[in-house]
Amino acid sequence: MYAFQKDFAKAEPILLRAVKIDEILYGHDGSEALLNLTALCGTYDLWGKPENSERFHKHLLVILEKQYGPDNPIIVPALTSQAQALRSLGRNDEATKIEQRIKTIHATAMNQN
């Protein structure tokens, strides 16, 4: 609720706790953590905290890649958000590599159709 109200300072500790609980219950890379981890990433994105956003998007990507594979188009939104966070942090070379990966995923998906 706090995230929807844009009260990110109140949302953050609750979401961090939820992610920690998921990690304890399901392991660091458990797919059950996707919902809370996605909410945390979105909160940091909207709050303008790219240093936190990038770190948790990286974690989110590990889980998504484990579940769907590294070239599945379902991971593109997480990759896009991670690239945006990296650009905000001035890490343009890393962002460019991710953006190239996104293009490759799109091209591969188009060739399969």
PDB file of N, CA and C in Angstrom:
ATOM      1  N   MET A   1       0.819  -1.185   0.000  1.00  0.00           N
ATOM      2  CA  MET A   1       0.000   0.000   0.000  1.00  0.00           C
ATOM      3  C   MET A   1       0.875   1.266   0.000  1.00  0.00           C
ATOM      4  N   TYR A   2       1.952   1.241   0.793  1.00  0.00           N
ATOM      5  CA  TYR A   2       2.813   2.413   0.869  1.00  0.00           C
ATOM      6  C   TYR A   2       3.423   2.746  -0.491  1.00  0.00           C
ATOM      7  N   ALA A   3       3.799   1.741  -1.242  1.00  0.00           N
ATOM      8  CA  ALA A   3       4.387   1.987  -2.564  1.00  0.00           C
ATOM      9  C   ALA A   3       3.371   2.659  -3.477  1.00  0.00           C
ATOM     10  N   PHE A   4       2.120   2.212  -3.423  1.00  0.00           N
ATOM     11  CA  PHE A   4       1.075   2.828  -4.246  1.00  0.00           C
ATOM     12  C   PHE A   4       0.826   4.273  -3.830  1.00  0.00           C
ATOM     13  N   GLN A   5       1.027   4.563  -2.563  1.00  0.00           N
ATOM     14  CA  GLN A   5       0.869   5.926  -2.054  1.00  0.00           C
ATOM     15  C   GLN A   5       2.129   6.765  -2.267  1.00  0.00           C
ATOM     16  N   LYS A   6       3.139   6.144  -2.861  1.00  0.00           N
ATOM     17  CA  LYS A   6       4.435   6.776  -3.114  1.00  0.00           C
ATOM     18  C   LYS A   6       5.135   7.189  -1.815  1.00  0.00           C
ATOM     19  N   ASP A   7       4.847   6.460  -0.754  1.00  0.00           N
ATOM     20  CA  ASP A   7       5.538   6.649   0.521  1.00  0.00           C
ATOM     21  C   ASP A   7       6.630   5.585   0.587  1.00  0.00           C
ATOM     22  N   PHE A   8       7.670   5.806  -0.239  1.00  0.00           N
ATOM     23  CA  PHE A   8       8.700   4.805  -0.449  1.00  0.00           C
ATOM     24  C   PHE A   8       9.513   4.513   0.807  1.00  0.00           C
ATOM     25  N   ALA A   9       9.692   5.512   1.644  1.00  0.00           N
ATOM     26  CA  ALA A   9      10.461   5.308   2.872  1.00  0.00           C
ATOM     27  C   ALA A   9       9.771   4.305   3.802  1.00  0.00           C
ATOM     28  N   LYS A  10       8.461   4.254   3.786  1.00  0.00           N
ATOM     29  CA  LYS A  10       7.732   3.279   4.596  1.00  0.00           C
ATOM     30  C   LYS A  10       7.639   1.933   3.881  1.00  0.00           C
ATOM     31  N   ALA A  11       7.582   1.954   2.567  1.00  0.00           N
ATOM     32  CA  ALA A  11       7.470   0.712   1.798  1.00  0.00           C
ATOM     33  C   ALA A  11       8.771  -0.091   1.833  1.00  0.00           C
ATOM     34  N   GLU A  12       9.896   0.599   1.777  1.00  0.00           N
ATOM     35  CA  GLU A  12      11.190  -0.076   1.660  1.00  0.00           C
ATOM     36  C   GLU A  12      11.441  -1.117   2.746  1.00  0.00           C
ATOM     37  N   PRO A  13      11.333  -0.788   4.034  1.00  0.00           N
ATOM     38  CA  PRO A  13      11.658  -1.813   5.039  1.00  0.00           C
ATOM     39  C   PRO A  13      10.718  -3.019   4.995  1.00  0.00           C
ATOM     40  N   ILE A  14       9.476  -2.799   4.637  1.00  0.00           N
ATOM     41  CA  ILE A  14       8.519  -3.904   4.546  1.00  0.00           C
ATOM     42  C   ILE A  14       8.890  -4.826   3.390  1.00  0.00           C
ATOM     43  N   LEU A  15       9.223  -4.232   2.243  1.00  0.00           N
ATOM     44  CA  LEU A  15       9.597  -5.034   1.077  1.00  0.00           C
ATOM     45  C   LEU A  15      10.931  -5.747   1.295  1.00  0.00           C
ATOM     46  N   LEU A  16      11.885  -5.070   1.919  1.00  0.00           N
ATOM     47  CA  LEU A  16      13.162  -5.721   2.229  1.00  0.00           C
ATOM     48  C   LEU A  16      12.950  -6.924   3.152  1.00  0.00           C
ATOM     49  N   ARG A  17      12.085  -6.753   4.108  1.00  0.00           N
ATOM     50  CA  ARG A  17      11.789  -7.859   5.030  1.00  0.00           C
ATOM     51  C   ARG A  17      11.113  -9.009   4.285  1.00  0.00           C
ATOM     52  N   ALA A  18      10.187  -8.687   3.394  1.00  0.00           N
ATOM     53  CA  ALA A  18       9.493  -9.727   2.620  1.00  0.00           C
ATOM     54  C   ALA A  18      10.482 -10.498   1.745  1.00  0.00           C
ATOM     55  N   VAL A  19      11.411  -9.787   1.117  1.00  0.00           N
ATOM     56  CA  VAL A  19      12.428 -10.443   0.286  1.00  0.00           C
ATOM     57  C   VAL A  19      13.320 -11.332   1.148  1.00  0.00           C
ATOM     58  N   LYS A  20      13.694 -10.853   2.313  1.00  0.00           N
ATOM     59  CA  LYS A  20      14.532 -11.637   3.231  1.00  0.00           C
ATOM     60  C   LYS A  20      13.802 -12.913   3.685  1.00  0.00           C
ATOM     61  N   ILE A  21      12.533 -12.787   3.988  1.00  0.00           N
ATOM     62  CA  ILE A  21      11.733 -13.952   4.382  1.00  0.00           C
ATOM     63  C   ILE A  21      11.674 -14.957   3.230  1.00  0.00           C
ATOM     64  N   ASP A  22      11.455 -14.456   2.014  1.00  0.00           N
ATOM     65  CA  ASP A  22      11.439 -15.339   0.839  1.00  0.00           C
ATOM     66  C   ASP A  22      12.759 -16.076   0.686  1.00  0.00           C
ATOM     67  N   GLU A  23      13.867 -15.369   0.894  1.00  0.00           N
ATOM     68  CA  GLU A  23      15.188 -15.996   0.786  1.00  0.00           C
ATOM     69  C   GLU A  23      15.373 -17.087   1.841  1.00  0.00           C
ATOM     70  N   ILE A  24      14.899 -16.830   3.042  1.00  0.00           N
ATOM     71  CA  ILE A  24      15.016 -17.825   4.111  1.00  0.00           C
ATOM     72  C   ILE A  24      14.166 -19.059   3.781  1.00  0.00           C
ATOM     73  N   LEU A  25      12.953 -18.823   3.323  1.00  0.00           N
ATOM     74  CA  LEU A  25      12.037 -19.931   3.042  1.00  0.00           C
ATOM     75  C   LEU A  25      12.382 -20.703   1.776  1.00  0.00           C
ATOM     76  N   TYR A  26      12.783 -19.986   0.722  1.00  0.00           N
ATOM     77  CA  TYR A  26      12.904 -20.599  -0.596  1.00  0.00           C
ATOM     78  C   TYR A  26      14.315 -20.585  -1.176  1.00  0.00           C
ATOM     79  N   GLY A  27      15.257 -20.011  -0.461  1.00  0.00           N
ATOM     80  CA  GLY A  27      16.622 -19.900  -0.966  1.00  0.00           C
ATOM     81  C   GLY A  27      16.822 -18.583  -1.708  1.00  0.00           C
ATOM     82  N   HIS A  28      18.079 -18.224  -1.903  1.00  0.00           N
ATOM     83  CA  HIS A  28      18.422 -16.937  -2.517  1.00  0.00           C
ATOM     84  C   HIS A  28      17.866 -16.792  -3.932  1.00  0.00           C
ATOM     85  N   ASP A  29      17.784 -17.895  -4.654  1.00  0.00           N
ATOM     86  CA  ASP A  29      17.341 -17.841  -6.040  1.00  0.00           C
ATOM     87  C   ASP A  29      15.991 -18.513  -6.253  1.00  0.00           C
ATOM     88  N   GLY A  30      15.188 -18.605  -5.203  1.00  0.00           N
ATOM     89  CA  GLY A  30      13.882 -19.234  -5.323  1.00  0.00           C
ATOM     90  C   GLY A  30      12.897 -18.386  -6.108  1.00  0.00           C
ATOM     91  N   SER A  31      12.204 -19.009  -7.027  1.00  0.00           N
ATOM     92  CA  SER A  31      11.268 -18.267  -7.876  1.00  0.00           C
ATOM     93  C   SER A  31      10.085 -17.712  -7.086  1.00  0.00           C
ATOM     94  N   GLU A  32       9.868 -18.225  -5.889  1.00  0.00           N
ATOM     95  CA  GLU A  32       8.785 -17.720  -5.054  1.00  0.00           C
ATOM     96  C   GLU A  32       9.023 -16.275  -4.625  1.00  0.00           C
ATOM     97  N   ALA A  33      10.246 -15.821  -4.738  1.00  0.00           N
ATOM     98  CA  ALA A  33      10.606 -14.456  -4.338  1.00  0.00           C
ATOM     99  C   ALA A  33      10.313 -13.427  -5.430  1.00  0.00           C
ATOM    100  N   LEU A  34       9.912 -13.878  -6.604  1.00  0.00           N
ATOM    101  CA  LEU A  34       9.743 -12.951  -7.734  1.00  0.00           C
ATOM    102  C   LEU A  34       8.783 -11.803  -7.437  1.00  0.00           C
ATOM    103  N   LEU A  35       7.654 -12.091  -6.819  1.00  0.00           N
ATOM    104  CA  LEU A  35       6.653 -11.050  -6.570  1.00  0.00           C
ATOM    105  C   LEU A  35       7.206  -9.941  -5.679  1.00  0.00           C
ATOM    106  N   ASN A  36       7.766 -10.314  -4.532  1.00  0.00           N
ATOM    107  CA  ASN A  36       8.287  -9.305  -3.606  1.00  0.00           C
ATOM    108  C   ASN A  36       9.520  -8.598  -4.159  1.00  0.00           C
ATOM    109  N   LEU A  37      10.355  -9.340  -4.843  1.00  0.00           N
ATOM    110  CA  LEU A  37      11.558  -8.750  -5.428  1.00  0.00           C
ATOM    111  C   LEU A  37      11.198  -7.759  -6.539  1.00  0.00           C
ATOM    112  N   THR A  38      10.212  -8.109  -7.342  1.00  0.00           N
ATOM    113  CA  THR A  38       9.749  -7.205  -8.398  1.00  0.00           C
ATOM    114  C   THR A  38       9.158  -5.928  -7.791  1.00  0.00           C
ATOM    115  N   ALA A  39       8.397  -6.081  -6.727  1.00  0.00           N
ATOM    116  CA  ALA A  39       7.829  -4.905  -6.052  1.00  0.00           C
ATOM    117  C   ALA A  39       8.927  -4.015  -5.478  1.00  0.00           C
ATOM    118  N   LEU A  40       9.953  -4.628  -4.902  1.00  0.00           N
ATOM    119  CA  LEU A  40      11.064  -3.854  -4.357  1.00  0.00           C
ATOM    120  C   LEU A  40      11.803  -3.101  -5.461  1.00  0.00           C
ATOM    121  N   CYS A  41      12.070  -3.782  -6.570  1.00  0.00           N
ATOM    122  CA  CYS A  41      12.747  -3.138  -7.703  1.00  0.00           C
ATOM    123  C   CYS A  41      11.925  -1.953  -8.223  1.00  0.00           C
ATOM    124  N   GLY A  42      10.633  -2.172  -8.377  1.00  0.00           N
ATOM    125  CA  GLY A  42       9.764  -1.101  -8.849  1.00  0.00           C
ATOM    126  C   GLY A  42       9.738   0.092  -7.903  1.00  0.00           C
ATOM    127  N   THR A  43       9.771  -0.198  -6.618  1.00  0.00           N
ATOM    128  CA  THR A  43       9.794   0.874  -5.616  1.00  0.00           C
ATOM    129  C   THR A  43      11.067   1.703  -5.754  1.00  0.00           C
ATOM    130  N   TYR A  44      12.207   1.023  -5.871  1.00  0.00           N
ATOM    131  CA  TYR A  44      13.461   1.752  -6.029  1.00  0.00           C
ATOM    132  C   TYR A  44      13.496   2.531  -7.353  1.00  0.00           C
ATOM    133  N   ASP A  45      12.939   1.947  -8.412  1.00  0.00           N
ATOM    134  CA  ASP A  45      12.890   2.653  -9.697  1.00  0.00           C
ATOM    135  C   ASP A  45      12.077   3.942  -9.580  1.00  0.00           C
ATOM    136  N   LEU A  46      10.889   3.834  -8.987  1.00  0.00           N
ATOM    137  CA  LEU A  46      10.020   5.004  -8.838  1.00  0.00           C
ATOM    138  C   LEU A  46      10.582   6.020  -7.853  1.00  0.00           C
ATOM    139  N   TRP A  47      11.291   5.554  -6.863  1.00  0.00           N
ATOM    140  CA  TRP A  47      11.868   6.402  -5.818  1.00  0.00           C
ATOM    141  C   TRP A  47      13.117   7.120  -6.312  1.00  0.00           C
ATOM    142  N   GLY A  48      13.684   6.634  -7.422  1.00  0.00           N
ATOM    143  CA  GLY A  48      14.895   7.252  -7.944  1.00  0.00           C
ATOM    144  C   GLY A  48      16.136   6.844  -7.173  1.00  0.00           C
ATOM    145  N   LYS A  49      16.221   5.573  -6.809  1.00  0.00           N
ATOM    146  CA  LYS A  49      17.391   5.043  -6.088  1.00  0.00           C
ATOM    147  C   LYS A  49      18.055   3.973  -6.956  1.00  0.00           C
ATOM    148  N   PRO A  50      18.749   4.404  -8.019  1.00  0.00           N
ATOM    149  CA  PRO A  50      19.316   3.434  -8.960  1.00  0.00           C
ATOM    150  C   PRO A  50      20.377   2.527  -8.347  1.00  0.00           C
ATOM    151  N   GLU A  51      21.067   2.985  -7.309  1.00  0.00           N
ATOM    152  CA  GLU A  51      22.096   2.141  -6.688  1.00  0.00           C
ATOM    153  C   GLU A  51      21.464   0.901  -6.050  1.00  0.00           C
ATOM    154  N   ASN A  52      20.288   1.057  -5.484  1.00  0.00           N
ATOM    155  CA  ASN A  52      19.570  -0.084  -4.912  1.00  0.00           C
ATOM    156  C   ASN A  52      18.837  -0.860  -6.000  1.00  0.00           C
ATOM    157  N   SER A  53      18.238  -0.138  -6.903  1.00  0.00           N
ATOM    158  CA  SER A  53      17.488  -0.757  -7.991  1.00  0.00           C
ATOM    159  C   SER A  53      18.366  -1.697  -8.796  1.00  0.00           C
ATOM    160  N   GLU A  54      19.542  -1.258  -9.163  1.00  0.00           N
ATOM    161  CA  GLU A  54      20.438  -2.062  -9.999  1.00  0.00           C
ATOM    162  C   GLU A  54      20.807  -3.360  -9.279  1.00  0.00           C
ATOM    163  N   ARG A  55      21.109  -3.258  -8.017  1.00  0.00           N
ATOM    164  CA  ARG A  55      21.496  -4.439  -7.238  1.00  0.00           C
ATOM    165  C   ARG A  55      20.377  -5.477  -7.191  1.00  0.00           C
ATOM    166  N   PHE A  56      19.165  -5.021  -6.950  1.00  0.00           N
ATOM    167  CA  PHE A  56      18.054  -5.961  -6.843  1.00  0.00           C
ATOM    168  C   PHE A  56      17.563  -6.434  -8.207  1.00  0.00           C
ATOM    169  N   HIS A  57      17.700  -5.615  -9.240  1.00  0.00           N
ATOM    170  CA  HIS A  57      17.381  -6.089 -10.593  1.00  0.00           C
ATOM    171  C   HIS A  57      18.333  -7.211 -10.990  1.00  0.00           C
ATOM    172  N   LYS A  58      19.573  -7.107 -10.595  1.00  0.00           N
ATOM    173  CA  LYS A  58      20.554  -8.162 -10.873  1.00  0.00           C
ATOM    174  C   LYS A  58      20.101  -9.470 -10.218  1.00  0.00           C
ATOM    175  N   HIS A  59      19.658  -9.366  -8.979  1.00  0.00           N
ATOM    176  CA  HIS A  59      19.155 -10.534  -8.252  1.00  0.00           C
ATOM    177  C   HIS A  59      17.908 -11.091  -8.947  1.00  0.00           C
ATOM    178  N   LEU A  60      17.005 -10.207  -9.343  1.00  0.00           N
ATOM    179  CA  LEU A  60      15.789 -10.606 -10.047  1.00  0.00           C
ATOM    180  C   LEU A  60      16.132 -11.343 -11.345  1.00  0.00           C
ATOM    181  N   LEU A  61      17.113 -10.843 -12.065  1.00  0.00           N
ATOM    182  CA  LEU A  61      17.524 -11.477 -13.316  1.00  0.00           C
ATOM    183  C   LEU A  61      18.066 -12.887 -13.100  1.00  0.00           C
ATOM    184  N   VAL A  62      18.802 -13.089 -12.029  1.00  0.00           N
ATOM    185  CA  VAL A  62      19.323 -14.427 -11.727  1.00  0.00           C
ATOM    186  C   VAL A  62      18.162 -15.418 -11.597  1.00  0.00           C
ATOM    187  N   ILE A  63      17.135 -15.012 -10.894  1.00  0.00           N
ATOM    188  CA  ILE A  63      15.980 -15.888 -10.691  1.00  0.00           C
ATOM    189  C   ILE A  63      15.231 -16.106 -12.003  1.00  0.00           C
ATOM    190  N   LEU A  64      14.990 -15.026 -12.747  1.00  0.00           N
ATOM    191  CA  LEU A  64      14.268 -15.152 -14.019  1.00  0.00           C
ATOM    192  C   LEU A  64      15.026 -16.024 -15.017  1.00  0.00           C
ATOM    193  N   GLU A  65      16.349 -15.831 -15.091  1.00  0.00           N
ATOM    194  CA  GLU A  65      17.158 -16.629 -16.015  1.00  0.00           C
ATOM    195  C   GLU A  65      17.163 -18.097 -15.612  1.00  0.00           C
ATOM    196  N   LYS A  66      17.186 -18.351 -14.322  1.00  0.00           N
ATOM    197  CA  LYS A  66      17.147 -19.729 -13.831  1.00  0.00           C
ATOM    198  C   LYS A  66      15.818 -20.385 -14.209  1.00  0.00           C
ATOM    199  N   GLN A  67      14.736 -19.627 -14.113  1.00  0.00           N
ATOM    200  CA  GLN A  67      13.417 -20.180 -14.371  1.00  0.00           C
ATOM    201  C   GLN A  67      13.091 -20.259 -15.868  1.00  0.00           C
ATOM    202  N   TYR A  68      13.471 -19.234 -16.638  1.00  0.00           N
ATOM    203  CA  TYR A  68      13.046 -19.144 -18.033  1.00  0.00           C
ATOM    204  C   TYR A  68      14.175 -19.280 -19.055  1.00  0.00           C
ATOM    205  N   GLY A  69      15.406 -19.171 -18.610  1.00  0.00           N
ATOM    206  CA  GLY A  69      16.544 -19.214 -19.520  1.00  0.00           C
ATOM    207  C   GLY A  69      17.038 -17.812 -19.828  1.00  0.00           C
ATOM    208  N   PRO A  70      18.300 -17.692 -20.258  1.00  0.00           N
ATOM    209  CA  PRO A  70      18.922 -16.377 -20.449  1.00  0.00           C
ATOM    210  C   PRO A  70      18.475 -15.622 -21.691  1.00  0.00           C
ATOM    211  N   ASP A  71      17.772 -16.290 -22.595  1.00  0.00           N
ATOM    212  CA  ASP A  71      17.376 -15.638 -23.847  1.00  0.00           C
ATOM    213  C   ASP A  71      15.867 -15.522 -23.998  1.00  0.00           C
ATOM    214  N   ASN A  72      15.132 -15.744 -22.934  1.00  0.00           N
ATOM    215  CA  ASN A  72      13.674 -15.671 -22.992  1.00  0.00           C
ATOM    216  C   ASN A  72      13.221 -14.213 -22.952  1.00  0.00           C
ATOM    217  N   PRO A  73      12.325 -13.813 -23.842  1.00  0.00           N
ATOM    218  CA  PRO A  73      11.846 -12.421 -23.854  1.00  0.00           C
ATOM    219  C   PRO A  73      11.200 -11.958 -22.546  1.00  0.00           C
ATOM    220  N   ILE A  74      10.804 -12.888 -21.696  1.00  0.00           N
ATOM    221  CA  ILE A  74      10.184 -12.503 -20.430  1.00  0.00           C
ATOM    222  C   ILE A  74      11.150 -11.736 -19.523  1.00  0.00           C
ATOM    223  N   ILE A  75      12.452 -11.877 -19.761  1.00  0.00           N
ATOM    224  CA  ILE A  75      13.426 -11.178 -18.917  1.00  0.00           C
ATOM    225  C   ILE A  75      13.731  -9.767 -19.410  1.00  0.00           C
ATOM    226  N   VAL A  76      13.212  -9.396 -20.583  1.00  0.00           N
ATOM    227  CA  VAL A  76      13.525  -8.083 -21.170  1.00  0.00           C
ATOM    228  C   VAL A  76      13.137  -6.908 -20.263  1.00  0.00           C
ATOM    229  N   PRO A  77      11.950  -6.891 -19.644  1.00  0.00           N
ATOM    230  CA  PRO A  77      11.644  -5.749 -18.758  1.00  0.00           C
ATOM    231  C   PRO A  77      12.655  -5.583 -17.614  1.00  0.00           C
ATOM    232  N   ALA A  78      13.090  -6.698 -17.034  1.00  0.00           N
ATOM    233  CA  ALA A  78      14.084  -6.610 -15.952  1.00  0.00           C
ATOM    234  C   ALA A  78      15.420  -6.120 -16.484  1.00  0.00           C
ATOM    235  N   LEU A  79      15.803  -6.591 -17.664  1.00  0.00           N
ATOM    236  CA  LEU A  79      17.043  -6.112 -18.288  1.00  0.00           C
ATOM    237  C   LEU A  79      16.952  -4.618 -18.587  1.00  0.00           C
ATOM    238  N   THR A  80      15.824  -4.182 -19.104  1.00  0.00           N
ATOM    239  CA  THR A  80      15.628  -2.766 -19.435  1.00  0.00           C
ATOM    240  C   THR A  80      15.756  -1.895 -18.187  1.00  0.00           C
ATOM    241  N   SER A  81      15.133  -2.318 -17.111  1.00  0.00           N
ATOM    242  CA  SER A  81      15.216  -1.556 -15.853  1.00  0.00           C
ATOM    243  C   SER A  81      16.631  -1.539 -15.308  1.00  0.00           C
ATOM    244  N   GLN A  82      17.321  -2.665 -15.429  1.00  0.00           N
ATOM    245  CA  GLN A  82      18.704  -2.707 -14.961  1.00  0.00           C
ATOM    246  C   GLN A  82      19.577  -1.758 -15.787  1.00  0.00           C
ATOM    247  N   ALA A  83      19.380  -1.740 -17.102  1.00  0.00           N
ATOM    248  CA  ALA A  83      20.152  -0.837 -17.966  1.00  0.00           C
ATOM    249  C   ALA A  83      19.875   0.620 -17.605  1.00  0.00           C
ATOM    250  N   GLN A  84      18.614   0.949 -17.333  1.00  0.00           N
ATOM    251  CA  GLN A  84      18.269   2.320 -16.942  1.00  0.00           C
ATOM    252  C   GLN A  84      18.955   2.711 -15.628  1.00  0.00           C
ATOM    253  N   ALA A  85      18.964   1.791 -14.683  1.00  0.00           N
ATOM    254  CA  ALA A  85      19.630   2.066 -13.401  1.00  0.00           C
ATOM    255  C   ALA A  85      21.131   2.273 -13.609  1.00  0.00           C
ATOM    256  N   LEU A  86      21.733   1.434 -14.441  1.00  0.00           N
ATOM    257  CA  LEU A  86      23.166   1.577 -14.722  1.00  0.00           C
ATOM    258  C   LEU A  86      23.464   2.918 -15.388  1.00  0.00           C
ATOM    259  N   ARG A  87      22.635   3.335 -16.313  1.00  0.00           N
ATOM    260  CA  ARG A  87      22.836   4.646 -16.960  1.00  0.00           C
ATOM    261  C   ARG A  87      22.733   5.765 -15.930  1.00  0.00           C
ATOM    262  N   SER A  88      21.784   5.653 -15.013  1.00  0.00           N
ATOM    263  CA  SER A  88      21.635   6.669 -13.963  1.00  0.00           C
ATOM    264  C   SER A  88      22.863   6.740 -13.069  1.00  0.00           C
ATOM    265  N   LEU A  89      23.547   5.615 -12.947  1.00  0.00           N
ATOM    266  CA  LEU A  89      24.758   5.563 -12.121  1.00  0.00           C
ATOM    267  C   LEU A  89      26.014   5.927 -12.906  1.00  0.00           C
ATOM    268  N   GLY A  90      25.838   6.235 -14.202  1.00  0.00           N
ATOM    269  CA  GLY A  90      26.978   6.602 -15.036  1.00  0.00           C
ATOM    270  C   GLY A  90      27.765   5.406 -15.537  1.00  0.00           C
ATOM    271  N   ARG A  91      27.211   4.229 -15.427  1.00  0.00           N
ATOM    272  CA  ARG A  91      27.882   3.003 -15.877  1.00  0.00           C
ATOM    273  C   ARG A  91      27.382   2.644 -17.279  1.00  0.00           C
ATOM    274  N   ASN A  92      27.694   3.535 -18.206  1.00  0.00           N
ATOM    275  CA  ASN A  92      27.148   3.458 -19.560  1.00  0.00           C
ATOM    276  C   ASN A  92      27.626   2.245 -20.349  1.00  0.00           C
ATOM    277  N   ASP A  93      28.860   1.830 -20.159  1.00  0.00           N
ATOM    278  CA  ASP A  93      29.361   0.661 -20.886  1.00  0.00           C
ATOM    279  C   ASP A  93      28.577  -0.597 -20.510  1.00  0.00           C
ATOM    280  N   GLU A  94      28.314  -0.755 -19.229  1.00  0.00           N
ATOM    281  CA  GLU A  94      27.538  -1.906 -18.772  1.00  0.00           C
ATOM    282  C   GLU A  94      26.105  -1.838 -19.306  1.00  0.00           C
ATOM    283  N   ALA A  95      25.535  -0.641 -19.289  1.00  0.00           N
ATOM    284  CA  ALA A  95      24.176  -0.462 -19.798  1.00  0.00           C
ATOM    285  C   ALA A  95      24.108  -0.788 -21.287  1.00  0.00           C
ATOM    286  N   THR A  96      25.102  -0.377 -22.025  1.00  0.00           N
ATOM    287  CA  THR A  96      25.145  -0.650 -23.462  1.00  0.00           C
ATOM    288  C   THR A  96      25.188  -2.149 -23.731  1.00  0.00           C
ATOM    289  N   LYS A  97      25.949  -2.888 -22.955  1.00  0.00           N
ATOM    290  CA  LYS A  97      26.019  -4.346 -23.121  1.00  0.00           C
ATOM    291  C   LYS A  97      24.657  -4.986 -22.875  1.00  0.00           C
ATOM    292  N   ILE A  98      23.970  -4.514 -21.866  1.00  0.00           N
ATOM    293  CA  ILE A  98      22.637  -5.055 -21.572  1.00  0.00           C
ATOM    294  C   ILE A  98      21.663  -4.698 -22.689  1.00  0.00           C
ATOM    295  N   GLU A  99      21.739  -3.470 -23.174  1.00  0.00           N
ATOM    296  CA  GLU A  99      20.852  -3.065 -24.269  1.00  0.00           C
ATOM    297  C   GLU A  99      21.120  -3.882 -25.534  1.00  0.00           C
ATOM    298  N   GLN A 100      22.365  -4.226 -25.776  1.00  0.00           N
ATOM    299  CA  GLN A 100      22.695  -5.095 -26.904  1.00  0.00           C
ATOM    300  C   GLN A 100      22.104  -6.490 -26.695  1.00  0.00           C
ATOM    301  N   ARG A 101      22.177  -6.954 -25.475  1.00  0.00           N
ATOM    302  CA  ARG A 101      21.581  -8.258 -25.158  1.00  0.00           C
ATOM    303  C   ARG A 101      20.078  -8.239 -25.409  1.00  0.00           C
ATOM    304  N   ILE A 102      19.430  -7.147 -25.055  1.00  0.00           N
ATOM    305  CA  ILE A 102      17.991  -7.007 -25.297  1.00  0.00           C
ATOM    306  C   ILE A 102      17.699  -7.090 -26.797  1.00  0.00           C
ATOM    307  N   LYS A 103      18.499  -6.408 -27.595  1.00  0.00           N
ATOM    308  CA  LYS A 103      18.316  -6.456 -29.053  1.00  0.00           C
ATOM    309  C   LYS A 103      18.487  -7.874 -29.579  1.00  0.00           C
ATOM    310  N   THR A 104      19.464  -8.582 -29.050  1.00  0.00           N
ATOM    311  CA  THR A 104      19.704  -9.963 -29.473  1.00  0.00           C
ATOM    312  C   THR A 104      18.512 -10.853 -29.105  1.00  0.00           C
ATOM    313  N   ILE A 105      17.989 -10.683 -27.916  1.00  0.00           N
ATOM    314  CA  ILE A 105      16.826 -11.465 -27.490  1.00  0.00           C
ATOM    315  C   ILE A 105      15.642 -11.182 -28.405  1.00  0.00           C
ATOM    316  N   HIS A 106      15.399  -9.900 -28.712  1.00  0.00           N
ATOM    317  CA  HIS A 106      14.302  -9.538 -29.611  1.00  0.00           C
ATOM    318  C   HIS A 106      14.500 -10.140 -30.987  1.00  0.00           C
ATOM    319  N   ALA A 107      15.706 -10.041 -31.519  1.00  0.00           N
ATOM    320  CA  ALA A 107      15.991 -10.574 -32.861  1.00  0.00           C
ATOM    321  C   ALA A 107      15.795 -12.090 -32.899  1.00  0.00           C
ATOM    322  N   THR A 108      16.240 -12.772 -31.862  1.00  0.00           N
ATOM    323  CA  THR A 108      16.082 -14.221 -31.803  1.00  0.00           C
ATOM    324  C   THR A 108      14.603 -14.582 -31.729  1.00  0.00           C
ATOM    325  N   ALA A 109      13.845 -13.854 -30.938  1.00  0.00           N
ATOM    326  CA  ALA A 109      12.409 -14.130 -30.806  1.00  0.00           C
ATOM    327  C   ALA A 109      11.688 -13.889 -32.133  1.00  0.00           C
ATOM    328  N   MET A 110      12.093 -12.853 -32.853  1.00  0.00           N
ATOM    329  CA  MET A 110      11.456 -12.552 -34.153  1.00  0.00           C
ATOM    330  C   MET A 110      11.789 -13.644 -35.178  1.00  0.00           C
ATOM    331  N   ASN A 111      12.983 -14.185 -35.145  1.00  0.00           N
ATOM    332  CA  ASN A 111      13.379 -15.232 -36.082  1.00  0.00           C
ATOM    333  C   ASN A 111      12.692 -16.559 -35.805  1.00  0.00           C
ATOM    334  N   GLN A 112      12.228 -16.757 -34.566  1.00  0.00           N
ATOM    335  CA  GLN A 112      11.531 -18.002 -34.219  1.00  0.00           C
ATOM    336  C   GLN A 112      10.095 -17.981 -34.697  1.00  0.00           C
ATOM    337  N   ASN A 113       9.580 -16.794 -34.966  1.00  0.00           N
ATOM    338  CA  ASN A 113       8.183 -16.686 -35.429  1.00  0.00           C
ATOM    339  C   ASN A 113       8.126 -16.840 -36.868  1.00  0.00           C
TER     340      ASN A 113
END
